[in-house]
Amino acid sequence: MKINGLLIDCSRLLERHKYYFRLVDFMADWGMNLLVLHFTDDAGCAVKLPGFEQLAMPHAFTAAEVRKLIRHAARRGIEIVPEIETFGHTRCITDRKEFHHLYAGPPGKQLVFNAIDPLNPETWKLMGELLKSVVRLFPSHFIHVGCDEVNLTEYCQQRKLDADQVWADYVNRIFDLTRGCGKAPMFWADHPLHSPRIASRLQKNVMAIWWNYSHLLKVSDLKRLQKAGFRRILAAPSTANYSMRFLTPRRQLVNVRKMAVCARRYRLDGVLNTVWTTTRYSQGAMYYGIAYSAFAARHPDGTLCAFNQQFARKVFGTGLTRDLAAFLNGWIKMDIHYRVTLAVMKKERLERNFLDTLEKTRQVGERILPLANKYTPARNRAIWEAMALAAKTAWVCAAGALLMNGRKLDAARKQTYNQFLRETRREMSRDWDRTRFPDDPKKHRPQFPSPVEAAQHALIILRHLPVALASDRDPRRASS
């Protein structure tokens, strides 16, 4: 496979800039060769694009800083590809007063799938200028133009237009603008995958990215893209996405391995692991999933034990000790689904299957958390501490959600839970300040206020978990 890559989301929350240099070094150590910088989305723009500095969020990369990062990556054999959203996920543009008239999504202030007006000539001019600015800054062969999760339903219904035709015409125009800048376009292939009419109308001389984040993925989806005529395809799994919290669970490792197998079997251009929405996790806890993706792309039939042995040696500088092996095998079972954290925020009851999974998570946590103090890495202690903190946070979330749903804890577990709740709130806050910008308001509140958005913020979730009371009074009333 030509590409063993990673996408990092720096638009929804920007890390301290030194992190991206360390990330490049980590990727190089694991044989990865391409980093997609997802620097625009509804939440903001993480780069001060020349001529469009007004779009940039606080602490955004300057042009000089971007060039420095690109040079560093090139020395490590990694190409940095910019992703600029050009259709949906464009509220960082259309929320601004001067561009608000270009908003074409559903009305209202809530964050929903949206679009920029595909028929307005101002949009075409704006996108052309934005692409030229990106080209002047990024020397990469590709530009990723996004185009996923676009909602044109009401826009086209009001105008009695064919939404598939409008979508295909606009995206083809974006492809032409990209080629006019001397670059090869990449795009997310969810719309042509789900609409044969779009697939038939769309240009095929592009890099289509088949993204699927489920461990139950269907190879038939890939075959549909190939049958539609797309010859260059990247398989995009995910080790951090909407469905998980705090750490990479086993089901996402299965997703990565299956996508890597498909990439090899069907001769795709490679694998692009995706890491989304930084607020859901501690920065250092993501290295495990990133390394696994790099390993799986090169060894799709490799075992988890073989990977853990490499991870112990390459990252921590030790062998895979019995305690470390037990911790890692349990760590990926600390599975907190997004519906759990949404129920915490809404103070709603969970279905039985989620409660059973949470009970297993709690039990696994009680086995592996003591192991965190029995292993000492020879290097990269910060990564080890972040992984231990992620497991502790997952245990606290599981125990707190069980309390909110009427599951009782004995007195000893209540005491441990209350202690860990206090500690994780404090430790996650400190971790944020060490690795992120302490003055970023997203530390305390979501940018788009709603329970759905709040349920994607680890620190906010922790603040909404209840304290375990001595009595059996409903703990959903005891949040602090």
Foldseek 3Di string as FASTA:
>chain_A
DQFLAAEEECQQPHWQLVVLLVVLVLCLLLPGAEYEYAQAFLRFGQECQVVNNVRHDPPHHYLVSLLVSQVSSVVSRHAYAYEDALWWRHNSQCVDPVNVVQWQQDDDQFDATTTGNLPDVVSLVVLLVRLLSVVVRGVDQEYEHELPRHDNPVVCVVVVHDVLVSSQVSVQSSQVSNVVSVHAYEYECPVCLVDVSNLLSHDQRHEYEDEDAFLPDDCVSVVSSVVSPRDAYEYEYEQADQWFAAARAPRRLSRLLVSLVSCVVVVHNFYYYYHDDVQRYQVLRHSLVSSSSSVCNVVSPDDPVVSLQVCQCSPQNDGCDPLNVLLVVLLNLLTDTLVLLLCLLVLHADDPVNLVSLVVLLVSLVVNLVSLVVDDGPDPVVSSVRSSLSSLLSNLSSVLSCLSNQNDDDPVVLVVSLVSLVVSLVVVLVSCVVIRPNPDCVQPARPRDDSSRLSSGSNSSSQSRFRDDPDSPNRNVGRD
